[in-house]
PDB file of N, CA and C in Angstrom:
ATOM      1  N   LEU A   1      51.761   4.491 -72.982  1.00  0.00           N
ATOM      2  CA  LEU A   1      52.494   4.105 -74.159  1.00  0.00           C
ATOM      3  C   LEU A   1      53.993   4.044 -73.865  1.00  0.00           C
ATOM      4  N   TYR A   2      54.440   4.962 -73.021  1.00  0.00           N
ATOM      5  CA  TYR A   2      55.860   5.006 -72.660  1.00  0.00           C
ATOM      6  C   TYR A   2      56.338   3.669 -72.111  1.00  0.00           C
ATOM      7  N   LEU A   3      55.612   3.118 -71.149  1.00  0.00           N
ATOM      8  CA  LEU A   3      56.050   1.873 -70.517  1.00  0.00           C
ATOM      9  C   LEU A   3      56.040   0.694 -71.474  1.00  0.00           C
ATOM     10  N   ALA A   4      55.188   0.744 -72.470  1.00  0.00           N
ATOM     11  CA  ALA A   4      55.091  -0.360 -73.426  1.00  0.00           C
ATOM     12  C   ALA A   4      56.124  -0.266 -74.539  1.00  0.00           C
ATOM     13  N   THR A   5      56.732   0.897 -74.722  1.00  0.00           N
ATOM     14  CA  THR A   5      57.604   1.068 -75.885  1.00  0.00           C
ATOM     15  C   THR A   5      59.040   1.462 -75.579  1.00  0.00           C
ATOM     16  N   ASP A   6      59.333   1.981 -74.418  1.00  0.00           N
ATOM     17  CA  ASP A   6      60.683   2.460 -74.133  1.00  0.00           C
ATOM     18  C   ASP A   6      61.567   1.324 -73.623  1.00  0.00           C
ATOM     19  N   PRO A   7      62.654   1.026 -74.331  1.00  0.00           N
ATOM     20  CA  PRO A   7      63.552  -0.052 -73.903  1.00  0.00           C
ATOM     21  C   PRO A   7      64.171   0.181 -72.521  1.00  0.00           C
ATOM     22  N   ALA A   8      64.244   1.427 -72.088  1.00  0.00           N
ATOM     23  CA  ALA A   8      64.852   1.732 -70.789  1.00  0.00           C
ATOM     24  C   ALA A   8      64.067   1.129 -69.628  1.00  0.00           C
ATOM     25  N   VAL A   9      62.789   0.862 -69.834  1.00  0.00           N
ATOM     26  CA  VAL A   9      61.967   0.291 -68.764  1.00  0.00           C
ATOM     27  C   VAL A   9      61.426  -1.092 -69.137  1.00  0.00           C
ATOM     28  N   ALA A  10      62.018  -1.705 -70.126  1.00  0.00           N
ATOM     29  CA  ALA A  10      61.534  -3.002 -70.616  1.00  0.00           C
ATOM     30  C   ALA A  10      61.558  -4.086 -69.535  1.00  0.00           C
ATOM     31  N   ASP A  11      62.508  -4.020 -68.629  1.00  0.00           N
ATOM     32  CA  ASP A  11      62.627  -5.044 -67.587  1.00  0.00           C
ATOM     33  C   ASP A  11      62.016  -4.614 -66.256  1.00  0.00           C
ATOM     34  N   THR A  12      61.331  -3.488 -66.238  1.00  0.00           N
ATOM     35  CA  THR A  12      60.714  -2.976 -65.016  1.00  0.00           C
ATOM     36  C   THR A  12      59.318  -3.557 -64.862  1.00  0.00           C
ATOM     37  N   THR A  13      59.057  -4.155 -63.708  1.00  0.00           N
ATOM     38  CA  THR A  13      57.729  -4.697 -63.434  1.00  0.00           C
ATOM     39  C   THR A  13      57.297  -4.294 -62.033  1.00  0.00           C
ATOM     40  N   GLY A  14      56.001  -4.256 -61.825  1.00  0.00           N
ATOM     41  CA  GLY A  14      55.458  -4.005 -60.504  1.00  0.00           C
ATOM     42  C   GLY A  14      55.656  -2.601 -59.978  1.00  0.00           C
ATOM     43  N   ALA A  15      55.889  -1.635 -60.858  1.00  0.00           N
ATOM     44  CA  ALA A  15      56.119  -0.262 -60.414  1.00  0.00           C
ATOM     45  C   ALA A  15      54.995   0.645 -60.900  1.00  0.00           C
ATOM     46  N   TYR A  16      54.780   1.716 -60.154  1.00  0.00           N
ATOM     47  CA  TYR A  16      53.845   2.761 -60.557  1.00  0.00           C
ATOM     48  C   TYR A  16      54.660   3.905 -61.141  1.00  0.00           C
ATOM     49  N   PHE A  17      54.144   4.518 -62.189  1.00  0.00           N
ATOM     50  CA  PHE A  17      54.848   5.622 -62.824  1.00  0.00           C
ATOM     51  C   PHE A  17      53.951   6.842 -62.915  1.00  0.00           C
ATOM     52  N   ILE A  18      54.544   8.003 -62.687  1.00  0.00           N
ATOM     53  CA  ILE A  18      53.896   9.283 -62.938  1.00  0.00           C
ATOM     54  C   ILE A  18      54.912  10.127 -63.693  1.00  0.00           C
ATOM     55  N   ALA A  19      54.496  10.662 -64.817  1.00  0.00           N
ATOM     56  CA  ALA A  19      55.376  11.489 -65.654  1.00  0.00           C
ATOM     57  C   ALA A  19      56.688  10.766 -65.958  1.00  0.00           C
ATOM     58  N   ARG A  20      56.571   9.488 -66.311  1.00  0.00           N
ATOM     59  CA  ARG A  20      57.704   8.648 -66.704  1.00  0.00           C
ATOM     60  C   ARG A  20      58.713   8.378 -65.593  1.00  0.00           C
ATOM     61  N   LYS A  21      58.290   8.570 -64.355  1.00  0.00           N
ATOM     62  CA  LYS A  21      59.179   8.302 -63.224  1.00  0.00           C
ATOM     63  C   LYS A  21      58.487   7.363 -62.247  1.00  0.00           C
ATOM     64  N   PRO A  22      59.234   6.370 -61.727  1.00  0.00           N
ATOM     65  CA  PRO A  22      58.624   5.465 -60.750  1.00  0.00           C
ATOM     66  C   PRO A  22      58.327   6.205 -59.446  1.00  0.00           C
ATOM     67  N   VAL A  23      57.179   5.913 -58.880  1.00  0.00           N
ATOM     68  CA  VAL A  23      56.764   6.523 -57.612  1.00  0.00           C
ATOM     69  C   VAL A  23      56.205   5.440 -56.705  1.00  0.00           C
ATOM     70  N   SER A  24      56.202   5.721 -55.427  1.00  0.00           N
ATOM     71  CA  SER A  24      55.599   4.794 -54.469  1.00  0.00           C
ATOM     72  C   SER A  24      54.087   4.956 -54.503  1.00  0.00           C
ATOM     73  N   PRO A  25      53.354   3.864 -54.440  1.00  0.00           N
ATOM     74  CA  PRO A  25      51.892   3.974 -54.394  1.00  0.00           C
ATOM     75  C   PRO A  25      51.440   4.556 -53.055  1.00  0.00           C
ATOM     76  N   ALA A  26      50.230   5.050 -53.029  1.00  0.00           N
ATOM     77  CA  ALA A  26      49.650   5.576 -51.795  1.00  0.00           C
ATOM     78  C   ALA A  26      49.587   4.464 -50.753  1.00  0.00           C
ATOM     79  N   PRO A  27      49.671   4.808 -49.480  1.00  0.00           N
ATOM     80  CA  PRO A  27      49.598   3.785 -48.427  1.00  0.00           C
ATOM     81  C   PRO A  27      48.346   2.917 -48.533  1.00  0.00           C
ATOM     82  N   GLN A  28      47.219   3.504 -48.933  1.00  0.00           N
ATOM     83  CA  GLN A  28      45.982   2.735 -49.058  1.00  0.00           C
ATOM     84  C   GLN A  28      46.116   1.636 -50.114  1.00  0.00           C
ATOM     85  N   ALA A  29      46.909   1.879 -51.139  1.00  0.00           N
ATOM     86  CA  ALA A  29      47.094   0.892 -52.200  1.00  0.00           C
ATOM     87  C   ALA A  29      47.903  -0.308 -51.725  1.00  0.00           C
ATOM     88  N   GLN A  30      48.568  -0.172 -50.602  1.00  0.00           N
ATOM     89  CA  GLN A  30      49.394  -1.248 -50.068  1.00  0.00           C
ATOM     90  C   GLN A  30      48.751  -1.934 -48.863  1.00  0.00           C
ATOM     91  N   ASP A  31      47.529  -1.573 -48.556  1.00  0.00           N
ATOM     92  CA  ASP A  31      46.826  -2.118 -47.395  1.00  0.00           C
ATOM     93  C   ASP A  31      46.093  -3.402 -47.785  1.00  0.00           C
ATOM     94  N   PRO A  32      46.526  -4.561 -47.290  1.00  0.00           N
ATOM     95  CA  PRO A  32      45.899  -5.820 -47.689  1.00  0.00           C
ATOM     96  C   PRO A  32      44.430  -5.929 -47.272  1.00  0.00           C
ATOM     97  N   ASP A  33      44.054  -5.315 -46.161  1.00  0.00           N
ATOM     98  CA  ASP A  33      42.647  -5.355 -45.739  1.00  0.00           C
ATOM     99  C   ASP A  33      41.765  -4.565 -46.702  1.00  0.00           C
ATOM    100  N   LEU A  34      42.238  -3.395 -47.117  1.00  0.00           N
ATOM    101  CA  LEU A  34      41.481  -2.610 -48.095  1.00  0.00           C
ATOM    102  C   LEU A  34      41.423  -3.328 -49.443  1.00  0.00           C
ATOM    103  N   ALA A  35      42.518  -3.973 -49.825  1.00  0.00           N
ATOM    104  CA  ALA A  35      42.542  -4.708 -51.090  1.00  0.00           C
ATOM    105  C   ALA A  35      41.515  -5.832 -51.080  1.00  0.00           C
ATOM    106  N   ARG A  36      41.438  -6.559 -49.984  1.00  0.00           N
ATOM    107  CA  ARG A  36      40.471  -7.647 -49.879  1.00  0.00           C
ATOM    108  C   ARG A  36      39.047  -7.106 -49.945  1.00  0.00           C
ATOM    109  N   ARG A  37      38.787  -6.018 -49.242  1.00  0.00           N
ATOM    110  CA  ARG A  37      37.445  -5.423 -49.240  1.00  0.00           C
ATOM    111  C   ARG A  37      37.076  -4.922 -50.632  1.00  0.00           C
ATOM    112  N   LEU A  38      38.018  -4.288 -51.312  1.00  0.00           N
ATOM    113  CA  LEU A  38      37.767  -3.819 -52.677  1.00  0.00           C
ATOM    114  C   LEU A  38      37.436  -4.992 -53.591  1.00  0.00           C
ATOM    115  N   TRP A  39      38.181  -6.085 -53.445  1.00  0.00           N
ATOM    116  CA  TRP A  39      37.923  -7.274 -54.258  1.00  0.00           C
ATOM    117  C   TRP A  39      36.522  -7.811 -53.985  1.00  0.00           C
ATOM    118  N   GLU A  40      36.154  -7.901 -52.725  1.00  0.00           N
ATOM    119  CA  GLU A  40      34.833  -8.427 -52.365  1.00  0.00           C
ATOM    120  C   GLU A  40      33.710  -7.562 -52.941  1.00  0.00           C
ATOM    121  N   ILE A  41      33.827  -6.260 -52.795  1.00  0.00           N
ATOM    122  CA  ILE A  41      32.796  -5.351 -53.313  1.00  0.00           C
ATOM    123  C   ILE A  41      32.743  -5.416 -54.835  1.00  0.00           C
ATOM    124  N   SER A  42      33.898  -5.425 -55.479  1.00  0.00           N
ATOM    125  CA  SER A  42      33.947  -5.479 -56.943  1.00  0.00           C
ATOM    126  C   SER A  42      33.329  -6.769 -57.466  1.00  0.00           C
ATOM    127  N   ALA A  43      33.663  -7.891 -56.843  1.00  0.00           N
ATOM    128  CA  ALA A  43      33.112  -9.175 -57.270  1.00  0.00           C
ATOM    129  C   ALA A  43      31.602  -9.208 -57.080  1.00  0.00           C
ATOM    130  N   GLN A  44      31.143  -8.663 -55.975  1.00  0.00           N
ATOM    131  CA  GLN A  44      29.705  -8.628 -55.715  1.00  0.00           C
ATOM    132  C   GLN A  44      28.992  -7.764 -56.755  1.00  0.00           C
ATOM    133  N   ARG A  45      29.504  -6.595 -57.016  1.00  0.00           N
ATOM    134  CA  ARG A  45      28.861  -5.686 -57.980  1.00  0.00           C
ATOM    135  C   ARG A  45      28.928  -6.214 -59.405  1.00  0.00           C
ATOM    136  N   ALA A  46      29.941  -7.003 -59.694  1.00  0.00           N
ATOM    137  CA  ALA A  46      30.063  -7.592 -61.028  1.00  0.00           C
ATOM    138  C   ALA A  46      29.216  -8.850 -61.166  1.00  0.00           C
ATOM    139  N   GLY A  47      28.569  -9.253 -60.072  1.00  0.00           N
ATOM    140  CA  GLY A  47      27.725 -10.437 -60.117  1.00  0.00           C
ATOM    141  C   GLY A  47      28.489 -11.737 -60.061  1.00  0.00           C
ATOM    142  N   LEU A  48      29.710 -11.692 -59.562  1.00  0.00           N
ATOM    143  CA  LEU A  48      30.530 -12.900 -59.497  1.00  0.00           C
ATOM    144  C   LEU A  48      30.301 -13.701 -58.225  1.00  0.00           C
ATOM    145  N   VAL A  49      29.662 -13.093 -57.230  1.00  0.00           N
ATOM    146  CA  VAL A  49      29.335 -13.777 -55.978  1.00  0.00           C
ATOM    147  C   VAL A  49      27.931 -13.376 -55.557  1.00  0.00           C
ATOM    148  N   GLY A  50      27.328 -14.174 -54.722  1.00  0.00           N
ATOM    149  CA  GLY A  50      25.982 -13.858 -54.249  1.00  0.00           C
ATOM    150  C   GLY A  50      25.983 -12.745 -53.219  1.00  0.00           C
ATOM    151  N   GLY A  51      24.802 -12.212 -52.965  1.00  0.00           N
ATOM    152  CA  GLY A  51      24.674 -11.298 -51.877  1.00  0.00           C
ATOM    153  C   GLY A  51      24.514  -9.897 -52.223  1.00  0.00           C
TER     154      GLY A  51
END
């Protein structure tokens, strides 16, 4: 709710917040190979692709 209502962060995009403070995401969250694999597994389990 904080990020949606506080004018102090109205222009902030693409950031992760914990306890109303921006933090860096975990290294795994920034790994493009893991992101692609997560997407593939999620799409498969959601029935969006065959296999």
